[in-house]
């Protein structure tokens, strides 16, 4: 198992490198001058030259990239052009909120999506299956920001059951923290759970008709044992794949949901940084998101090896 894991880890290195290149280029291909944003419209040519020189923007792009990558490898994310704060400090302030929302929504999506998919898969063309189809169509078809606004209107504005904005730290008040987290988590988890449920239903339906499942039933095993130990386990590979891919959907959704619910987090930081052409902040956030996405898919590959030992020899 160890060589399999090492091989998968090595394969992620070129992907991470390509991610840093894309993160570096993404703002630089957009028209605009960070020095002009910092100095203002009335700045003189001398002022702009001095700011560009201070920020190292007179160097060529390859020189800027190599210098930034060298600092990044050493754990130095640099400083915000606009605020002067270190990017590490911005992360420490805002990342816990984003991580909290993302993990909670992902757990809810899995806990909702897999059971719904199993229920629809073991009872195809039943009422449950039709209800699942309707749920997935609505949840996938309605963007998360729209569902977020609907949830705010119904449960915050009309019924006043939940707060409409802000965040409370879980360490300060766990109950109030979950109260503030409920609506954003539901809005973010709905489309992800629908995709997971759809793929789980499809794979369960395919596996449930296989000979080994009929054999397990013929042996007198209970239906729950047949489903969990035989059908579900043998259908997990494609489900794990789609769960890992949904991390990308989760990362983009967090940015939108944080804006809808006025939650502090990296979403707001990166939006403001893009508006201000704050290169180092945007680059660092994008690299962080790439690392999270690549790590999720790496973990999925490792889980494949545990679920199906045949994967280890590929």
C-alpha atoms as a PDB file:
ATOM      1  CA  UNK A   1       0.000   0.000   0.000  1.00  0.00           C
ATOM      2  CA  UNK A   2       2.873   2.392   0.798  1.00  0.00           C
ATOM      3  CA  UNK A   3       4.327   2.375  -2.778  1.00  0.00           C
ATOM      4  CA  UNK A   4       0.815   3.029  -4.126  1.00  0.00           C
ATOM      5  CA  UNK A   5       0.412   6.083  -1.848  1.00  0.00           C
ATOM      6  CA  UNK A   6       3.900   7.412  -2.655  1.00  0.00           C
ATOM      7  CA  UNK A   7       3.216   7.047  -6.379  1.00  0.00           C
ATOM      8  CA  UNK A   8      -0.024   9.019  -6.074  1.00  0.00           C
ATOM      9  CA  UNK A   9       1.669  11.761  -4.017  1.00  0.00           C
ATOM     10  CA  UNK A  10       4.444  12.128  -6.613  1.00  0.00           C
ATOM     11  CA  UNK A  11       1.843  12.449  -9.371  1.00  0.00           C
ATOM     12  CA  UNK A  12       0.325  15.495  -7.638  1.00  0.00           C
ATOM     13  CA  UNK A  13       3.559  17.529  -7.797  1.00  0.00           C
ATOM     14  CA  UNK A  14       3.246  18.559 -11.494  1.00  0.00           C
ATOM     15  CA  UNK A  15      -0.406  19.453 -10.900  1.00  0.00           C
ATOM     16  CA  UNK A  16       0.508  21.703  -7.973  1.00  0.00           C
ATOM     17  CA  UNK A  17       3.250  23.334 -10.055  1.00  0.00           C
ATOM     18  CA  UNK A  18       0.809  24.007 -12.889  1.00  0.00           C
ATOM     19  CA  UNK A  19      -1.601  25.422 -10.302  1.00  0.00           C
ATOM     20  CA  UNK A  20       0.985  27.968  -9.170  1.00  0.00           C
ATOM     21  CA  UNK A  21       1.577  29.045 -12.777  1.00  0.00           C
ATOM     22  CA  UNK A  22      -2.152  29.569 -13.380  1.00  0.00           C
ATOM     23  CA  UNK A  23      -2.556  31.391 -10.065  1.00  0.00           C
ATOM     24  CA  UNK A  24       0.322  33.705 -10.977  1.00  0.00           C
ATOM     25  CA  UNK A  25      -1.030  34.493 -14.438  1.00  0.00           C
ATOM     26  CA  UNK A  26      -4.745  34.843 -13.692  1.00  0.00           C
ATOM     27  CA  UNK A  27      -4.688  38.521 -12.660  1.00  0.00           C
ATOM     28  CA  UNK A  28      -1.776  39.620 -14.803  1.00  0.00           C
ATOM     29  CA  UNK A  29      -3.662  38.923 -18.026  1.00  0.00           C
ATOM     30  CA  UNK A  30      -6.464  41.224 -16.838  1.00  0.00           C
ATOM     31  CA  UNK A  31      -5.993  44.882 -17.875  1.00  0.00           C
ATOM     32  CA  UNK A  32      -5.174  47.128 -14.948  1.00  0.00           C
ATOM     33  CA  UNK A  33      -2.349  48.547 -12.878  1.00  0.00           C
ATOM     34  CA  UNK A  34      -2.080  47.756  -9.157  1.00  0.00           C
ATOM     35  CA  UNK A  35       0.028  50.868  -8.660  1.00  0.00           C
ATOM     36  CA  UNK A  36      -2.765  53.048 -10.061  1.00  0.00           C
ATOM     37  CA  UNK A  37      -5.298  51.350  -7.780  1.00  0.00           C
ATOM     38  CA  UNK A  38      -3.080  52.036  -4.757  1.00  0.00           C
ATOM     39  CA  UNK A  39      -2.077  55.606  -5.635  1.00  0.00           C
ATOM     40  CA  UNK A  40      -5.370  56.814  -7.086  1.00  0.00           C
ATOM     41  CA  UNK A  41      -6.312  58.545 -10.305  1.00  0.00           C
ATOM     42  CA  UNK A  42      -4.456  61.757  -9.414  1.00  0.00           C
ATOM     43  CA  UNK A  43      -1.074  60.090  -8.909  1.00  0.00           C
ATOM     44  CA  UNK A  44       1.878  61.379 -10.913  1.00  0.00           C
ATOM     45  CA  UNK A  45       4.048  59.249 -13.157  1.00  0.00           C
ATOM     46  CA  UNK A  46       6.815  59.450 -10.546  1.00  0.00           C
ATOM     47  CA  UNK A  47       4.457  58.165  -7.839  1.00  0.00           C
ATOM     48  CA  UNK A  48       3.378  55.249  -9.994  1.00  0.00           C
ATOM     49  CA  UNK A  49       6.985  54.393 -10.880  1.00  0.00           C
ATOM     50  CA  UNK A  50       8.004  54.408  -7.212  1.00  0.00           C
ATOM     51  CA  UNK A  51       5.078  52.130  -6.216  1.00  0.00           C
ATOM     52  CA  UNK A  52       5.780  49.679  -9.045  1.00  0.00           C
ATOM     53  CA  UNK A  53       9.444  49.627  -8.056  1.00  0.00           C
ATOM     54  CA  UNK A  54       8.538  48.987  -4.407  1.00  0.00           C
ATOM     55  CA  UNK A  55       6.219  46.130  -5.370  1.00  0.00           C
ATOM     56  CA  UNK A  56       8.729  44.604  -7.789  1.00  0.00           C
ATOM     57  CA  UNK A  57       6.410  45.045 -10.763  1.00  0.00           C
ATOM     58  CA  UNK A  58       9.192  46.349 -12.993  1.00  0.00           C
ATOM     59  CA  UNK A  59      10.745  42.904 -13.081  1.00  0.00           C
ATOM     60  CA  UNK A  60       9.769  40.503 -15.848  1.00  0.00           C
ATOM     61  CA  UNK A  61       6.994  38.016 -15.215  1.00  0.00           C
ATOM     62  CA  UNK A  62       9.394  35.037 -14.996  1.00  0.00           C
ATOM     63  CA  UNK A  63      11.477  36.909 -12.411  1.00  0.00           C
ATOM     64  CA  UNK A  64       8.378  37.779 -10.394  1.00  0.00           C
ATOM     65  CA  UNK A  65       7.133  34.189 -10.581  1.00  0.00           C
ATOM     66  CA  UNK A  66      10.427  32.631  -9.489  1.00  0.00           C
ATOM     67  CA  UNK A  67      10.745  35.092  -6.582  1.00  0.00           C
ATOM     68  CA  UNK A  68       7.146  34.434  -5.476  1.00  0.00           C
ATOM     69  CA  UNK A  69       7.489  30.655  -5.834  1.00  0.00           C
ATOM     70  CA  UNK A  70      10.702  30.696  -3.813  1.00  0.00           C
ATOM     71  CA  UNK A  71       8.987  32.618  -1.015  1.00  0.00           C
ATOM     72  CA  UNK A  72       5.959  30.305  -1.241  1.00  0.00           C
ATOM     73  CA  UNK A  73       8.077  27.179  -0.792  1.00  0.00           C
ATOM     74  CA  UNK A  74       9.515  28.756   2.372  1.00  0.00           C
ATOM     75  CA  UNK A  75       6.026  29.479   3.719  1.00  0.00           C
ATOM     76  CA  UNK A  76       6.169  33.211   2.964  1.00  0.00           C
ATOM     77  CA  UNK A  77       2.961  34.262   1.177  1.00  0.00           C
ATOM     78  CA  UNK A  78       4.001  37.913   0.986  1.00  0.00           C
ATOM     79  CA  UNK A  79       2.039  41.028   1.896  1.00  0.00           C
ATOM     80  CA  UNK A  80      -1.144  42.569   0.603  1.00  0.00           C
ATOM     81  CA  UNK A  81      -0.494  45.497  -1.752  1.00  0.00           C
ATOM     82  CA  UNK A  82      -3.526  47.327  -0.419  1.00  0.00           C
ATOM     83  CA  UNK A  83      -3.600  46.735   3.364  1.00  0.00           C
ATOM     84  CA  UNK A  84       0.047  45.951   4.034  1.00  0.00           C
ATOM     85  CA  UNK A  85      -0.992  42.949   6.134  1.00  0.00           C
ATOM     86  CA  UNK A  86       0.775  39.659   5.573  1.00  0.00           C
ATOM     87  CA  UNK A  87      -1.244  37.179   3.563  1.00  0.00           C
ATOM     88  CA  UNK A  88      -0.632  34.623   6.308  1.00  0.00           C
ATOM     89  CA  UNK A  89      -2.357  36.983   8.736  1.00  0.00           C
ATOM     90  CA  UNK A  90      -5.325  37.354   6.375  1.00  0.00           C
ATOM     91  CA  UNK A  91      -5.531  33.554   6.181  1.00  0.00           C
ATOM     92  CA  UNK A  92      -5.448  33.130   9.956  1.00  0.00           C
ATOM     93  CA  UNK A  93      -8.289  35.639  10.340  1.00  0.00           C
ATOM     94  CA  UNK A  94     -10.577  34.464   7.537  1.00  0.00           C
ATOM     95  CA  UNK A  95      -9.763  30.817   6.765  1.00  0.00           C
ATOM     96  CA  UNK A  96     -11.380  29.290   9.902  1.00  0.00           C
ATOM     97  CA  UNK A  97     -14.786  30.650   8.864  1.00  0.00           C
ATOM     98  CA  UNK A  98     -14.458  29.317   5.316  1.00  0.00           C
ATOM     99  CA  UNK A  99     -13.165  25.952   6.542  1.00  0.00           C
ATOM    100  CA  UNK A 100     -16.035  25.685   9.015  1.00  0.00           C
ATOM    101  CA  UNK A 101     -18.650  26.355   6.342  1.00  0.00           C
ATOM    102  CA  UNK A 102     -17.029  24.073   3.764  1.00  0.00           C
ATOM    103  CA  UNK A 103     -16.583  21.071   6.056  1.00  0.00           C
ATOM    104  CA  UNK A 104     -20.069  21.359   7.531  1.00  0.00           C
ATOM    105  CA  UNK A 105     -21.690  21.629   4.080  1.00  0.00           C
ATOM    106  CA  UNK A 106     -19.656  18.702   2.722  1.00  0.00           C
ATOM    107  CA  UNK A 107     -20.620  16.446   5.635  1.00  0.00           C
ATOM    108  CA  UNK A 108     -24.296  17.365   5.282  1.00  0.00           C
ATOM    109  CA  UNK A 109     -24.156  16.753   1.510  1.00  0.00           C
ATOM    110  CA  UNK A 110     -22.672  13.266   2.008  1.00  0.00           C
ATOM    111  CA  UNK A 111     -25.045  12.333   4.843  1.00  0.00           C
ATOM    112  CA  UNK A 112     -27.979  13.440   2.714  1.00  0.00           C
ATOM    113  CA  UNK A 113     -26.858  12.336  -0.732  1.00  0.00           C
ATOM    114  CA  UNK A 114     -25.712   8.758  -0.115  1.00  0.00           C
ATOM    115  CA  UNK A 115     -28.822   7.552   1.804  1.00  0.00           C
ATOM    116  CA  UNK A 116     -31.122   9.189  -0.762  1.00  0.00           C
ATOM    117  CA  UNK A 117     -29.173   7.550  -3.582  1.00  0.00           C
ATOM    118  CA  UNK A 118     -29.312   4.133  -1.901  1.00  0.00           C
ATOM    119  CA  UNK A 119     -33.048   4.471  -1.321  1.00  0.00           C
ATOM    120  CA  UNK A 120     -33.674   5.356  -4.950  1.00  0.00           C
ATOM    121  CA  UNK A 121     -31.277   2.676  -6.214  1.00  0.00           C
ATOM    122  CA  UNK A 122     -32.739  -0.275  -4.324  1.00  0.00           C
ATOM    123  CA  UNK A 123     -36.283   0.742  -5.254  1.00  0.00           C
ATOM    124  CA  UNK A 124     -36.067   1.878  -8.894  1.00  0.00           C
ATOM    125  CA  UNK A 125     -39.193   3.352 -10.463  1.00  0.00           C
ATOM    126  CA  UNK A 126     -40.822   3.578  -7.039  1.00  0.00           C
ATOM    127  CA  UNK A 127     -42.332   6.656  -5.426  1.00  0.00           C
ATOM    128  CA  UNK A 128     -39.019   7.182  -3.602  1.00  0.00           C
ATOM    129  CA  UNK A 129     -37.142   7.058  -6.897  1.00  0.00           C
ATOM    130  CA  UNK A 130     -39.444   9.614  -8.513  1.00  0.00           C
ATOM    131  CA  UNK A 131     -39.119  11.871  -5.461  1.00  0.00           C
ATOM    132  CA  UNK A 132     -35.331  11.561  -5.686  1.00  0.00           C
ATOM    133  CA  UNK A 133     -35.424  12.502  -9.369  1.00  0.00           C
ATOM    134  CA  UNK A 134     -37.495  15.584  -8.579  1.00  0.00           C
ATOM    135  CA  UNK A 135     -35.166  16.562  -5.744  1.00  0.00           C
ATOM    136  CA  UNK A 136     -32.020  16.229  -7.854  1.00  0.00           C
ATOM    137  CA  UNK A 137     -33.526  18.191 -10.747  1.00  0.00           C
ATOM    138  CA  UNK A 138     -34.485  21.097  -8.488  1.00  0.00           C
ATOM    139  CA  UNK A 139     -31.341  21.069  -6.335  1.00  0.00           C
ATOM    140  CA  UNK A 140     -28.958  20.894  -9.304  1.00  0.00           C
ATOM    141  CA  UNK A 141     -30.974  23.291 -11.471  1.00  0.00           C
ATOM    142  CA  UNK A 142     -31.268  26.061  -8.875  1.00  0.00           C
ATOM    143  CA  UNK A 143     -27.951  27.867  -8.255  1.00  0.00           C
ATOM    144  CA  UNK A 144     -26.745  27.932  -4.663  1.00  0.00           C
ATOM    145  CA  UNK A 145     -26.994  31.717  -4.440  1.00  0.00           C
ATOM    146  CA  UNK A 146     -30.662  31.550  -5.511  1.00  0.00           C
ATOM    147  CA  UNK A 147     -31.466  28.861  -2.948  1.00  0.00           C
ATOM    148  CA  UNK A 148     -29.566  30.916  -0.389  1.00  0.00           C
ATOM    149  CA  UNK A 149     -31.684  33.985  -1.102  1.00  0.00           C
ATOM    150  CA  UNK A 150     -34.877  31.896  -0.915  1.00  0.00           C
ATOM    151  CA  UNK A 151     -33.803  30.421   2.426  1.00  0.00           C
ATOM    152  CA  UNK A 152     -33.002  33.900   3.731  1.00  0.00           C
ATOM    153  CA  UNK A 153     -36.375  35.231   2.624  1.00  0.00           C
ATOM    154  CA  UNK A 154     -38.405  32.389   4.144  1.00  0.00           C
ATOM    155  CA  UNK A 155     -36.530  31.414   7.300  1.00  0.00           C
ATOM    156  CA  UNK A 156     -34.771  34.664   8.206  1.00  0.00           C
ATOM    157  CA  UNK A 157     -36.955  37.507   6.913  1.00  0.00           C
ATOM    158  CA  UNK A 158     -40.451  36.004   7.106  1.00  0.00           C
ATOM    159  CA  UNK A 159     -40.246  33.450   9.921  1.00  0.00           C
ATOM    160  CA  UNK A 160     -37.254  34.907  11.818  1.00  0.00           C
ATOM    161  CA  UNK A 161     -36.103  31.406  12.743  1.00  0.00           C
ATOM    162  CA  UNK A 162     -32.480  31.983  11.754  1.00  0.00           C
ATOM    163  CA  UNK A 163     -30.142  35.012  11.627  1.00  0.00           C
ATOM    164  CA  UNK A 164     -29.693  36.541   8.188  1.00  0.00           C
ATOM    165  CA  UNK A 165     -25.995  37.404   8.350  1.00  0.00           C
ATOM    166  CA  UNK A 166     -22.770  37.171  10.313  1.00  0.00           C
ATOM    167  CA  UNK A 167     -20.906  34.408  12.081  1.00  0.00           C
ATOM    168  CA  UNK A 168     -20.323  33.304  15.664  1.00  0.00           C
ATOM    169  CA  UNK A 169     -17.253  31.253  16.529  1.00  0.00           C
ATOM    170  CA  UNK A 170     -18.015  27.682  17.543  1.00  0.00           C
ATOM    171  CA  UNK A 171     -15.560  28.017  20.425  1.00  0.00           C
ATOM    172  CA  UNK A 172     -17.382  31.066  21.790  1.00  0.00           C
ATOM    173  CA  UNK A 173     -20.946  29.732  21.581  1.00  0.00           C
ATOM    174  CA  UNK A 174     -21.498  26.348  19.874  1.00  0.00           C
ATOM    175  CA  UNK A 175     -25.299  26.638  19.773  1.00  0.00           C
ATOM    176  CA  UNK A 176     -25.357  30.157  18.330  1.00  0.00           C
ATOM    177  CA  UNK A 177     -22.592  29.198  15.901  1.00  0.00           C
ATOM    178  CA  UNK A 178     -24.667  26.324  14.492  1.00  0.00           C
ATOM    179  CA  UNK A 179     -27.685  28.645  14.390  1.00  0.00           C
ATOM    180  CA  UNK A 180     -25.789  31.078  12.150  1.00  0.00           C
ATOM    181  CA  UNK A 181     -24.327  28.221  10.116  1.00  0.00           C
ATOM    182  CA  UNK A 182     -27.560  26.344   9.341  1.00  0.00           C
ATOM    183  CA  UNK A 183     -28.888  28.295   6.344  1.00  0.00           C
ATOM    184  CA  UNK A 184     -25.516  28.760   4.562  1.00  0.00           C
ATOM    185  CA  UNK A 185     -24.752  25.056   5.010  1.00  0.00           C
ATOM    186  CA  UNK A 186     -28.105  23.979   3.565  1.00  0.00           C
ATOM    187  CA  UNK A 187     -27.783  26.347   0.592  1.00  0.00           C
ATOM    188  CA  UNK A 188     -24.267  25.084  -0.150  1.00  0.00           C
ATOM    189  CA  UNK A 189     -24.982  21.396   0.486  1.00  0.00           C
ATOM    190  CA  UNK A 190     -28.158  21.024  -1.601  1.00  0.00           C
ATOM    191  CA  UNK A 191     -26.649  20.897  -5.130  1.00  0.00           C
ATOM    192  CA  UNK A 192     -23.697  18.786  -3.964  1.00  0.00           C
ATOM    193  CA  UNK A 193     -25.942  16.274  -2.201  1.00  0.00           C
ATOM    194  CA  UNK A 194     -28.127  16.037  -5.314  1.00  0.00           C
ATOM    195  CA  UNK A 195     -25.147  15.116  -7.516  1.00  0.00           C
ATOM    196  CA  UNK A 196     -23.918  12.543  -4.981  1.00  0.00           C
ATOM    197  CA  UNK A 197     -27.429  11.088  -4.685  1.00  0.00           C
ATOM    198  CA  UNK A 198     -27.815  10.821  -8.460  1.00  0.00           C
ATOM    199  CA  UNK A 199     -24.523   8.944  -8.925  1.00  0.00           C
ATOM    200  CA  UNK A 200     -25.144   6.725  -5.891  1.00  0.00           C
ATOM    201  CA  UNK A 201     -28.572   5.804  -7.235  1.00  0.00           C
ATOM    202  CA  UNK A 202     -27.153   4.945 -10.674  1.00  0.00           C
ATOM    203  CA  UNK A 203     -24.317   2.771  -9.356  1.00  0.00           C
ATOM    204  CA  UNK A 204     -26.521   1.005  -6.793  1.00  0.00           C
ATOM    205  CA  UNK A 205     -29.073   0.220  -9.506  1.00  0.00           C
ATOM    206  CA  UNK A 206     -26.333  -1.305 -11.682  1.00  0.00           C
ATOM    207  CA  UNK A 207     -24.780  -3.337  -8.863  1.00  0.00           C
ATOM    208  CA  UNK A 208     -28.024  -4.542  -7.264  1.00  0.00           C
ATOM    209  CA  UNK A 209     -28.801  -6.663 -10.335  1.00  0.00           C
ATOM    210  CA  UNK A 210     -25.395  -8.403 -10.383  1.00  0.00           C
ATOM    211  CA  UNK A 211     -25.063 -12.145  -9.727  1.00  0.00           C
ATOM    212  CA  UNK A 212     -23.069 -11.757  -6.508  1.00  0.00           C
ATOM    213  CA  UNK A 213     -25.894  -9.706  -4.966  1.00  0.00           C
ATOM    214  CA  UNK A 214     -28.453 -12.366  -5.907  1.00  0.00           C
ATOM    215  CA  UNK A 215     -26.125 -14.982  -4.422  1.00  0.00           C
ATOM    216  CA  UNK A 216     -25.860 -13.041  -1.171  1.00  0.00           C
ATOM    217  CA  UNK A 217     -29.649 -12.868  -0.960  1.00  0.00           C
ATOM    218  CA  UNK A 218     -29.923 -16.585  -1.746  1.00  0.00           C
ATOM    219  CA  UNK A 219     -27.669 -17.316   1.224  1.00  0.00           C
ATOM    220  CA  UNK A 220     -30.288 -15.759   3.464  1.00  0.00           C
ATOM    221  CA  UNK A 221     -28.419 -12.566   4.341  1.00  0.00           C
ATOM    222  CA  UNK A 222     -30.547  -9.670   5.549  1.00  0.00           C
ATOM    223  CA  UNK A 223     -31.430  -6.963   3.050  1.00  0.00           C
ATOM    224  CA  UNK A 224     -29.483  -4.296   4.949  1.00  0.00           C
ATOM    225  CA  UNK A 225     -26.395  -6.535   4.984  1.00  0.00           C
ATOM    226  CA  UNK A 226     -26.719  -7.195   1.264  1.00  0.00           C
ATOM    227  CA  UNK A 227     -27.031  -3.504   0.492  1.00  0.00           C
ATOM    228  CA  UNK A 228     -24.270  -2.197   2.781  1.00  0.00           C
ATOM    229  CA  UNK A 229     -21.662  -4.978   2.620  1.00  0.00           C
ATOM    230  CA  UNK A 230     -22.145  -6.052  -0.994  1.00  0.00           C
ATOM    231  CA  UNK A 231     -24.011  -3.539  -3.162  1.00  0.00           C
ATOM    232  CA  UNK A 232     -22.762  -0.278  -1.615  1.00  0.00           C
ATOM    233  CA  UNK A 233     -19.149  -1.366  -1.220  1.00  0.00           C
ATOM    234  CA  UNK A 234     -18.915  -2.473  -4.832  1.00  0.00           C
ATOM    235  CA  UNK A 235     -20.456   0.767  -6.083  1.00  0.00           C
ATOM    236  CA  UNK A 236     -18.268   3.104  -4.035  1.00  0.00           C
ATOM    237  CA  UNK A 237     -15.515   3.775  -6.595  1.00  0.00           C
ATOM    238  CA  UNK A 238     -17.581   6.045  -8.902  1.00  0.00           C
ATOM    239  CA  UNK A 239     -19.301   7.593  -5.868  1.00  0.00           C
ATOM    240  CA  UNK A 240     -15.959   8.439  -4.251  1.00  0.00           C
ATOM    241  CA  UNK A 241     -14.815   9.930  -7.560  1.00  0.00           C
ATOM    242  CA  UNK A 242     -17.805  12.243  -7.798  1.00  0.00           C
ATOM    243  CA  UNK A 243     -17.494  13.165  -4.111  1.00  0.00           C
ATOM    244  CA  UNK A 244     -13.886  14.240  -4.697  1.00  0.00           C
ATOM    245  CA  UNK A 245     -14.827  16.230  -7.797  1.00  0.00           C
ATOM    246  CA  UNK A 246     -17.567  17.994  -5.851  1.00  0.00           C
ATOM    247  CA  UNK A 247     -14.880  19.601  -3.702  1.00  0.00           C
ATOM    248  CA  UNK A 248     -14.342  21.977  -6.633  1.00  0.00           C
ATOM    249  CA  UNK A 249     -18.042  22.850  -6.606  1.00  0.00           C
ATOM    250  CA  UNK A 250     -17.780  23.317  -2.854  1.00  0.00           C
ATOM    251  CA  UNK A 251     -14.861  25.734  -3.130  1.00  0.00           C
ATOM    252  CA  UNK A 252     -16.599  27.953  -5.687  1.00  0.00           C
ATOM    253  CA  UNK A 253     -19.892  27.747  -3.804  1.00  0.00           C
ATOM    254  CA  UNK A 254     -18.308  28.898  -0.540  1.00  0.00           C
ATOM    255  CA  UNK A 255     -17.278  32.196  -2.152  1.00  0.00           C
ATOM    256  CA  UNK A 256     -20.836  32.848  -3.357  1.00  0.00           C
ATOM    257  CA  UNK A 257     -22.570  31.752  -0.160  1.00  0.00           C
ATOM    258  CA  UNK A 258     -20.289  33.884   2.008  1.00  0.00           C
ATOM    259  CA  UNK A 259     -21.320  36.904  -0.046  1.00  0.00           C
ATOM    260  CA  UNK A 260     -25.050  36.041   0.108  1.00  0.00           C
ATOM    261  CA  UNK A 261     -25.033  35.542   3.877  1.00  0.00           C
ATOM    262  CA  UNK A 262     -22.474  38.298   4.584  1.00  0.00           C
ATOM    263  CA  UNK A 263     -20.157  35.864   6.339  1.00  0.00           C
ATOM    264  CA  UNK A 264     -16.499  36.688   6.915  1.00  0.00           C
ATOM    265  CA  UNK A 265     -14.139  34.389   5.070  1.00  0.00           C
ATOM    266  CA  UNK A 266     -11.726  33.935   2.198  1.00  0.00           C
ATOM    267  CA  UNK A 267     -14.526  34.472  -0.316  1.00  0.00           C
ATOM    268  CA  UNK A 268     -14.876  38.123   0.594  1.00  0.00           C
ATOM    269  CA  UNK A 269     -11.099  38.514   0.806  1.00  0.00           C
ATOM    270  CA  UNK A 270     -10.500  37.166  -2.703  1.00  0.00           C
ATOM    271  CA  UNK A 271     -13.331  39.222  -4.248  1.00  0.00           C
ATOM    272  CA  UNK A 272     -11.941  42.437  -2.747  1.00  0.00           C
ATOM    273  CA  UNK A 273      -8.401  41.455  -3.775  1.00  0.00           C
ATOM    274  CA  UNK A 274      -9.471  40.892  -7.391  1.00  0.00           C
ATOM    275  CA  UNK A 275     -11.164  44.295  -7.476  1.00  0.00           C
ATOM    276  CA  UNK A 276      -7.969  45.912  -6.171  1.00  0.00           C
ATOM    277  CA  UNK A 277      -5.592  43.801  -8.330  1.00  0.00           C
ATOM    278  CA  UNK A 278      -3.923  42.633  -5.117  1.00  0.00           C
ATOM    279  CA  UNK A 279      -1.759  40.035  -6.810  1.00  0.00           C
ATOM    280  CA  UNK A 280      -0.198  38.230  -3.853  1.00  0.00           C
ATOM    281  CA  UNK A 281      -3.497  37.795  -2.014  1.00  0.00           C
ATOM    282  CA  UNK A 282      -5.283  36.347  -5.057  1.00  0.00           C
ATOM    283  CA  UNK A 283      -2.325  34.123  -5.948  1.00  0.00           C
ATOM    284  CA  UNK A 284      -2.077  32.727  -2.430  1.00  0.00           C
ATOM    285  CA  UNK A 285      -5.815  32.052  -2.128  1.00  0.00           C
ATOM    286  CA  UNK A 286      -5.881  30.314  -5.509  1.00  0.00           C
ATOM    287  CA  UNK A 287      -2.893  28.154  -4.572  1.00  0.00           C
ATOM    288  CA  UNK A 288      -4.626  27.257  -1.307  1.00  0.00           C
ATOM    289  CA  UNK A 289      -7.775  26.223  -3.206  1.00  0.00           C
ATOM    290  CA  UNK A 290      -5.706  24.159  -5.654  1.00  0.00           C
ATOM    291  CA  UNK A 291      -3.972  22.399  -2.741  1.00  0.00           C
ATOM    292  CA  UNK A 292      -7.348  21.611  -1.136  1.00  0.00           C
ATOM    293  CA  UNK A 293      -8.781  20.261  -4.403  1.00  0.00           C
ATOM    294  CA  UNK A 294      -5.686  18.195  -5.235  1.00  0.00           C
ATOM    295  CA  UNK A 295      -5.560  16.831  -1.676  1.00  0.00           C
ATOM    296  CA  UNK A 296      -9.217  15.800  -1.886  1.00  0.00           C
ATOM    297  CA  UNK A 297      -8.575  13.876  -5.096  1.00  0.00           C
ATOM    298  CA  UNK A 298      -5.396  12.359  -3.643  1.00  0.00           C
ATOM    299  CA  UNK A 299      -7.370  11.101  -0.658  1.00  0.00           C
ATOM    300  CA  UNK A 300      -9.959   9.696  -3.063  1.00  0.00           C
ATOM    301  CA  UNK A 301      -7.201   7.761  -4.872  1.00  0.00           C
ATOM    302  CA  UNK A 302      -5.923   6.384  -1.557  1.00  0.00           C
ATOM    303  CA  UNK A 303      -9.436   5.388  -0.497  1.00  0.00           C
ATOM    304  CA  UNK A 304      -9.797   3.540  -3.820  1.00  0.00           C
ATOM    305  CA  UNK A 305      -6.901   1.350  -2.732  1.00  0.00           C
ATOM    306  CA  UNK A 306      -8.641   0.406   0.500  1.00  0.00           C
ATOM    307  CA  UNK A 307     -12.062  -0.156  -1.076  1.00  0.00           C
ATOM    308  CA  UNK A 308     -10.771  -2.147  -4.059  1.00  0.00           C
ATOM    309  CA  UNK A 309      -7.269  -3.687  -3.661  1.00  0.00           C
ATOM    310  CA  UNK A 310      -7.099  -4.216  -7.427  1.00  0.00           C
ATOM    311  CA  UNK A 311      -6.588  -0.446  -7.838  1.00  0.00           C
ATOM    312  CA  UNK A 312      -3.218  -0.635  -6.055  1.00  0.00           C
ATOM    313  CA  UNK A 313      -1.577  -2.576  -8.869  1.00  0.00           C
ATOM    314  CA  UNK A 314      -2.495  -0.125 -11.616  1.00  0.00           C
END
